């Protein structure tokens, strides 16, 4: 049986500190489960479909930039 893979600290730090913008104290206070949950939530949001053009135009008309 082979030993488990090392924890990917570089990727975890890049995600938590970079992508999420957590300050270092928040990142280091997070548990691995919390970090994994944040990664799952971000991946879920990133795969969300882009709204149709008509939907976007309707939102732009309803909430114009001023």
PDB file of N, CA and C in Angstrom:
ATOM      1  N   UNK A   1       0.851  -1.181   0.000  1.00  0.00           N
ATOM      2  CA  UNK A   1       0.000   0.000   0.000  1.00  0.00           C
ATOM      3  C   UNK A   1       0.896   1.244   0.000  1.00  0.00           C
ATOM      4  N   UNK A   2       0.617   2.167  -0.897  1.00  0.00           N
ATOM      5  CA  UNK A   2       1.448   3.368  -0.995  1.00  0.00           C
ATOM      6  C   UNK A   2       1.002   4.414   0.024  1.00  0.00           C
ATOM      7  N   UNK A   3       1.925   5.253   0.464  1.00  0.00           N
ATOM      8  CA  UNK A   3       1.561   6.299   1.435  1.00  0.00           C
ATOM      9  C   UNK A   3       0.630   7.317   0.795  1.00  0.00           C
ATOM     10  N   UNK A   4      -0.185   7.985   1.611  1.00  0.00           N
ATOM     11  CA  UNK A   4      -1.089   9.002   1.064  1.00  0.00           C
ATOM     12  C   UNK A   4      -0.295  10.152   0.455  1.00  0.00           C
ATOM     13  N   UNK A   5      -0.907  10.810  -0.499  1.00  0.00           N
ATOM     14  CA  UNK A   5      -0.272  11.967  -1.139  1.00  0.00           C
ATOM     15  C   UNK A   5      -0.134  13.100  -0.132  1.00  0.00           C
ATOM     16  N   UNK A   6       0.895  13.879  -0.292  1.00  0.00           N
ATOM     17  CA  UNK A   6       1.109  15.037   0.580  1.00  0.00           C
ATOM     18  C   UNK A   6      -0.008  16.056   0.352  1.00  0.00           C
ATOM     19  N   UNK A   7      -0.348  16.782   1.404  1.00  0.00           N
ATOM     20  CA  UNK A   7      -1.381  17.823   1.275  1.00  0.00           C
ATOM     21  C   UNK A   7      -0.873  18.900   0.324  1.00  0.00           C
ATOM     22  N   UNK A   8      -1.700  19.349  -0.627  1.00  0.00           N
ATOM     23  CA  UNK A   8      -1.268  20.351  -1.618  1.00  0.00           C
ATOM     24  C   UNK A   8      -1.286  21.776  -1.054  1.00  0.00           C
ATOM     25  N   UNK A   9      -0.339  22.066  -0.169  1.00  0.00           N
ATOM     26  CA  UNK A   9      -0.327  23.368   0.489  1.00  0.00           C
ATOM     27  C   UNK A   9      -0.219  24.523  -0.496  1.00  0.00           C
ATOM     28  N   UNK A  10       0.571  24.380  -1.540  1.00  0.00           N
ATOM     29  CA  UNK A  10       0.715  25.465  -2.508  1.00  0.00           C
ATOM     30  C   UNK A  10      -0.610  25.807  -3.162  1.00  0.00           C
ATOM     31  N   UNK A  11      -1.341  24.790  -3.583  1.00  0.00           N
ATOM     32  CA  UNK A  11      -2.650  25.032  -4.204  1.00  0.00           C
ATOM     33  C   UNK A  11      -3.638  25.586  -3.195  1.00  0.00           C
ATOM     34  N   UNK A  12      -3.614  25.054  -1.975  1.00  0.00           N
ATOM     35  CA  UNK A  12      -4.531  25.533  -0.943  1.00  0.00           C
ATOM     36  C   UNK A  12      -4.277  26.996  -0.625  1.00  0.00           C
ATOM     37  N   UNK A  13      -2.999  27.362  -0.492  1.00  0.00           N
ATOM     38  CA  UNK A  13      -2.667  28.762  -0.200  1.00  0.00           C
ATOM     39  C   UNK A  13      -3.029  29.670  -1.367  1.00  0.00           C
ATOM     40  N   UNK A  14      -2.769  29.224  -2.594  1.00  0.00           N
ATOM     41  CA  UNK A  14      -3.119  30.038  -3.759  1.00  0.00           C
ATOM     42  C   UNK A  14      -4.625  30.275  -3.814  1.00  0.00           C
ATOM     43  N   UNK A  15      -5.400  29.257  -3.489  1.00  0.00           N
ATOM     44  CA  UNK A  15      -6.855  29.400  -3.513  1.00  0.00           C
ATOM     45  C   UNK A  15      -7.349  30.288  -2.374  1.00  0.00           C
ATOM     46  N   UNK A  16      -6.960  29.959  -1.151  1.00  0.00           N
ATOM     47  CA  UNK A  16      -7.461  30.699   0.012  1.00  0.00           C
ATOM     48  C   UNK A  16      -6.985  32.136   0.055  1.00  0.00           C
ATOM     49  N   UNK A  17      -5.682  32.331  -0.146  1.00  0.00           N
ATOM     50  CA  UNK A  17      -5.129  33.685  -0.061  1.00  0.00           C
ATOM     51  C   UNK A  17      -5.350  34.477  -1.340  1.00  0.00           C
ATOM     52  N   UNK A  18      -5.291  33.788  -2.481  1.00  0.00           N
ATOM     53  CA  UNK A  18      -5.412  34.476  -3.765  1.00  0.00           C
ATOM     54  C   UNK A  18      -6.839  34.568  -4.254  1.00  0.00           C
ATOM     55  N   UNK A  19      -7.418  33.434  -4.589  1.00  0.00           N
ATOM     56  CA  UNK A  19      -8.760  33.419  -5.188  1.00  0.00           C
ATOM     57  C   UNK A  19      -9.818  33.970  -4.240  1.00  0.00           C
ATOM     58  N   UNK A  20      -9.801  33.502  -2.978  1.00  0.00           N
ATOM     59  CA  UNK A  20     -10.806  33.964  -2.020  1.00  0.00           C
ATOM     60  C   UNK A  20     -10.428  35.294  -1.374  1.00  0.00           C
ATOM     61  N   UNK A  21      -9.146  35.621  -1.402  1.00  0.00           N
ATOM     62  CA  UNK A  21      -8.699  36.879  -0.799  1.00  0.00           C
ATOM     63  C   UNK A  21      -8.725  36.876   0.715  1.00  0.00           C
ATOM     64  N   UNK A  22      -8.667  35.676   1.315  1.00  0.00           N
ATOM     65  CA  UNK A  22      -8.638  35.611   2.768  1.00  0.00           C
ATOM     66  C   UNK A  22      -7.323  36.187   3.272  1.00  0.00           C
ATOM     67  N   UNK A  23      -7.354  36.944   4.363  1.00  0.00           N
ATOM     68  CA  UNK A  23      -6.090  37.367   4.971  1.00  0.00           C
ATOM     69  C   UNK A  23      -5.412  36.136   5.586  1.00  0.00           C
ATOM     70  N   UNK A  24      -4.106  36.176   5.777  1.00  0.00           N
ATOM     71  CA  UNK A  24      -3.401  34.999   6.293  1.00  0.00           C
ATOM     72  C   UNK A  24      -3.984  34.430   7.583  1.00  0.00           C
ATOM     73  N   UNK A  25      -4.393  35.286   8.522  1.00  0.00           N
ATOM     74  CA  UNK A  25      -4.919  34.756   9.778  1.00  0.00           C
ATOM     75  C   UNK A  25      -6.208  33.969   9.565  1.00  0.00           C
ATOM     76  N   UNK A  26      -7.041  34.390   8.614  1.00  0.00           N
ATOM     77  CA  UNK A  26      -8.270  33.644   8.307  1.00  0.00           C
ATOM     78  C   UNK A  26      -7.929  32.308   7.640  1.00  0.00           C
ATOM     79  N   UNK A  27      -6.973  32.337   6.704  1.00  0.00           N
ATOM     80  CA  UNK A  27      -6.582  31.105   6.030  1.00  0.00           C
ATOM     81  C   UNK A  27      -6.047  30.090   7.029  1.00  0.00           C
ATOM     82  N   UNK A  28      -5.124  30.504   7.880  1.00  0.00           N
ATOM     83  CA  UNK A  28      -4.503  29.563   8.809  1.00  0.00           C
ATOM     84  C   UNK A  28      -5.443  29.141   9.926  1.00  0.00           C
ATOM     85  N   UNK A  29      -6.501  29.905  10.178  1.00  0.00           N
ATOM     86  CA  UNK A  29      -7.498  29.506  11.181  1.00  0.00           C
ATOM     87  C   UNK A  29      -8.510  28.516  10.607  1.00  0.00           C
ATOM     88  N   UNK A  30      -8.611  28.451   9.289  1.00  0.00           N
ATOM     89  CA  UNK A  30      -9.580  27.548   8.653  1.00  0.00           C
ATOM     90  C   UNK A  30      -9.115  26.099   8.772  1.00  0.00           C
ATOM     91  N   UNK A  31     -10.074  25.215   8.965  1.00  0.00           N
ATOM     92  CA  UNK A  31      -9.754  23.794   8.980  1.00  0.00           C
ATOM     93  C   UNK A  31      -9.696  23.288   7.536  1.00  0.00           C
ATOM     94  N   UNK A  32      -9.053  22.148   7.304  1.00  0.00           N
ATOM     95  CA  UNK A  32      -9.069  21.595   5.945  1.00  0.00           C
ATOM     96  C   UNK A  32     -10.487  21.378   5.419  1.00  0.00           C
ATOM     97  N   UNK A  33     -11.414  20.986   6.284  1.00  0.00           N
ATOM     98  CA  UNK A  33     -12.812  20.810   5.835  1.00  0.00           C
ATOM     99  C   UNK A  33     -13.434  22.136   5.414  1.00  0.00           C
ATOM    100  N   UNK A  34     -13.145  23.200   6.144  1.00  0.00           N
ATOM    101  CA  UNK A  34     -13.669  24.515   5.764  1.00  0.00           C
ATOM    102  C   UNK A  34     -13.099  24.963   4.431  1.00  0.00           C
ATOM    103  N   UNK A  35     -11.814  24.756   4.243  1.00  0.00           N
ATOM    104  CA  UNK A  35     -11.182  25.111   2.976  1.00  0.00           C
ATOM    105  C   UNK A  35     -11.768  24.290   1.833  1.00  0.00           C
ATOM    106  N   UNK A  36     -11.967  22.996   2.049  1.00  0.00           N
ATOM    107  CA  UNK A  36     -12.560  22.133   1.026  1.00  0.00           C
ATOM    108  C   UNK A  36     -13.976  22.583   0.688  1.00  0.00           C
ATOM    109  N   UNK A  37     -14.754  22.979   1.703  1.00  0.00           N
ATOM    110  CA  UNK A  37     -16.113  23.460   1.456  1.00  0.00           C
ATOM    111  C   UNK A  37     -16.093  24.749   0.636  1.00  0.00           C
ATOM    112  N   UNK A  38     -15.166  25.640   0.940  1.00  0.00           N
ATOM    113  CA  UNK A  38     -15.046  26.882   0.173  1.00  0.00           C
ATOM    114  C   UNK A  38     -14.671  26.577  -1.272  1.00  0.00           C
ATOM    115  N   UNK A  39     -13.796  25.606  -1.481  1.00  0.00           N
ATOM    116  CA  UNK A  39     -13.400  25.239  -2.837  1.00  0.00           C
ATOM    117  C   UNK A  39     -14.580  24.655  -3.611  1.00  0.00           C
ATOM    118  N   UNK A  40     -15.363  23.797  -2.938  1.00  0.00           N
ATOM    119  CA  UNK A  40     -16.550  23.225  -3.610  1.00  0.00           C
ATOM    120  C   UNK A  40     -17.549  24.316  -3.968  1.00  0.00           C
ATOM    121  N   UNK A  41     -17.777  25.242  -3.050  1.00  0.00           N
ATOM    122  CA  UNK A  41     -18.731  26.322  -3.313  1.00  0.00           C
ATOM    123  C   UNK A  41     -18.255  27.193  -4.464  1.00  0.00           C
ATOM    124  N   UNK A  42     -16.963  27.491  -4.496  1.00  0.00           N
ATOM    125  CA  UNK A  42     -16.440  28.324  -5.583  1.00  0.00           C
ATOM    126  C   UNK A  42     -16.554  27.617  -6.921  1.00  0.00           C
ATOM    127  N   UNK A  43     -16.232  26.319  -6.954  1.00  0.00           N
ATOM    128  CA  UNK A  43     -16.346  25.562  -8.199  1.00  0.00           C
ATOM    129  C   UNK A  43     -17.791  25.527  -8.663  1.00  0.00           C
ATOM    130  N   UNK A  44     -18.720  25.377  -7.727  1.00  0.00           N
ATOM    131  CA  UNK A  44     -20.140  25.357  -8.087  1.00  0.00           C
ATOM    132  C   UNK A  44     -20.550  26.697  -8.698  1.00  0.00           C
ATOM    133  N   UNK A  45     -20.131  27.808  -8.085  1.00  0.00           N
ATOM    134  CA  UNK A  45     -20.462  29.127  -8.616  1.00  0.00           C
ATOM    135  C   UNK A  45     -19.816  29.361  -9.970  1.00  0.00           C
ATOM    136  N   UNK A  46     -18.594  28.875 -10.150  1.00  0.00           N
ATOM    137  CA  UNK A  46     -17.869  29.098 -11.397  1.00  0.00           C
ATOM    138  C   UNK A  46     -18.517  28.360 -12.562  1.00  0.00           C
ATOM    139  N   UNK A  47     -19.241  27.276 -12.290  1.00  0.00           N
ATOM    140  CA  UNK A  47     -19.867  26.501 -13.365  1.00  0.00           C
ATOM    141  C   UNK A  47     -21.283  26.983 -13.676  1.00  0.00           C
ATOM    142  N   UNK A  48     -21.763  27.951 -12.923  1.00  0.00           N
ATOM    143  CA  UNK A  48     -23.111  28.441 -13.145  1.00  0.00           C
ATOM    144  C   UNK A  48     -23.227  28.998 -14.559  1.00  0.00           C
ATOM    145  N   UNK A  49     -24.366  28.793 -15.166  1.00  0.00           N
ATOM    146  CA  UNK A  49     -24.544  29.247 -16.547  1.00  0.00           C
ATOM    147  C   UNK A  49     -24.618  30.770 -16.630  1.00  0.00           C
ATOM    148  N   UNK A  50     -24.149  31.281 -17.717  1.00  0.00           N
ATOM    149  CA  UNK A  50     -24.219  32.708 -17.996  1.00  0.00           C
ATOM    150  C   UNK A  50     -25.662  33.021 -18.397  1.00  0.00           C
ATOM    151  N   UNK A  51     -26.232  34.137 -17.927  1.00  0.00           N
ATOM    152  CA  UNK A  51     -27.608  34.455 -18.305  1.00  0.00           C
ATOM    153  C   UNK A  51     -27.725  34.723 -19.809  1.00  0.00           C
ATOM    154  N   UNK A  52     -28.895  34.429 -20.337  1.00  0.00           N
ATOM    155  CA  UNK A  52     -29.164  34.700 -21.753  1.00  0.00           C
ATOM    156  C   UNK A  52     -29.110  36.207 -21.989  1.00  0.00           C
ATOM    157  N   UNK A  53     -28.839  36.592 -23.206  1.00  0.00           N
ATOM    158  CA  UNK A  53     -28.723  38.012 -23.549  1.00  0.00           C
ATOM    159  C   UNK A  53     -29.988  38.776 -23.171  1.00  0.00           C
ATOM    160  N   UNK A  54     -31.160  38.199 -23.450  1.00  0.00           N
ATOM    161  CA  UNK A  54     -32.425  38.870 -23.128  1.00  0.00           C
ATOM    162  C   UNK A  54     -32.553  39.077 -21.617  1.00  0.00           C
ATOM    163  N   UNK A  55     -32.130  38.108 -20.837  1.00  0.00           N
ATOM    164  CA  UNK A  55     -32.180  38.240 -19.381  1.00  0.00           C
ATOM    165  C   UNK A  55     -31.261  39.361 -18.925  1.00  0.00           C
ATOM    166  N   UNK A  56     -30.058  39.394 -19.468  1.00  0.00           N
ATOM    167  CA  UNK A  56     -29.109  40.443 -19.128  1.00  0.00           C
ATOM    168  C   UNK A  56     -29.650  41.818 -19.512  1.00  0.00           C
ATOM    169  N   UNK A  57     -30.220  41.946 -20.686  1.00  0.00           N
ATOM    170  CA  UNK A  57     -30.778  43.233 -21.123  1.00  0.00           C
ATOM    171  C   UNK A  57     -31.931  43.654 -20.225  1.00  0.00           C
ATOM    172  N   UNK A  58     -32.762  42.691 -19.796  1.00  0.00           N
ATOM    173  CA  UNK A  58     -33.857  43.001 -18.877  1.00  0.00           C
ATOM    174  C   UNK A  58     -33.338  43.506 -17.540  1.00  0.00           C
ATOM    175  N   UNK A  59     -32.289  42.870 -17.022  1.00  0.00           N
ATOM    176  CA  UNK A  59     -31.691  43.326 -15.768  1.00  0.00           C
ATOM    177  C   UNK A  59     -31.060  44.704 -15.929  1.00  0.00           C
ATOM    178  N   UNK A  60     -30.405  44.937 -17.048  1.00  0.00           N
ATOM    179  CA  UNK A  60     -29.782  46.239 -17.291  1.00  0.00           C
ATOM    180  C   UNK A  60     -30.830  47.339 -17.374  1.00  0.00           C
ATOM    181  N   UNK A  61     -31.990  47.022 -17.983  1.00  0.00           N
ATOM    182  CA  UNK A  61     -33.080  48.019 -18.062  1.00  0.00           C
ATOM    183  C   UNK A  61     -33.686  48.266 -16.680  1.00  0.00           C
ATOM    184  N   UNK A  62     -33.841  47.212 -15.893  1.00  0.00           N
ATOM    185  CA  UNK A  62     -34.457  47.344 -14.586  1.00  0.00           C
ATOM    186  C   UNK A  62     -33.526  48.042 -13.577  1.00  0.00           C
ATOM    187  N   UNK A  63     -32.225  47.822 -13.733  1.00  0.00           N
ATOM    188  CA  UNK A  63     -31.246  48.369 -12.790  1.00  0.00           C
ATOM    189  C   UNK A  63     -30.131  49.077 -13.545  1.00  0.00           C
ATOM    190  N   UNK A  64     -30.439  50.236 -14.157  1.00  0.00           N
ATOM    191  CA  UNK A  64     -29.415  50.921 -14.949  1.00  0.00           C
ATOM    192  C   UNK A  64     -28.304  51.496 -14.086  1.00  0.00           C
ATOM    193  N   UNK A  65     -27.114  51.537 -14.663  1.00  0.00           N
ATOM    194  CA  UNK A  65     -25.991  52.191 -13.991  1.00  0.00           C
ATOM    195  C   UNK A  65     -26.243  53.692 -14.021  1.00  0.00           C
ATOM    196  N   UNK A  66     -25.947  54.338 -12.925  1.00  0.00           N
ATOM    197  CA  UNK A  66     -26.146  55.799 -12.882  1.00  0.00           C
ATOM    198  C   UNK A  66     -24.842  56.488 -12.596  1.00  0.00           C
TER     199      UNK A  66
END
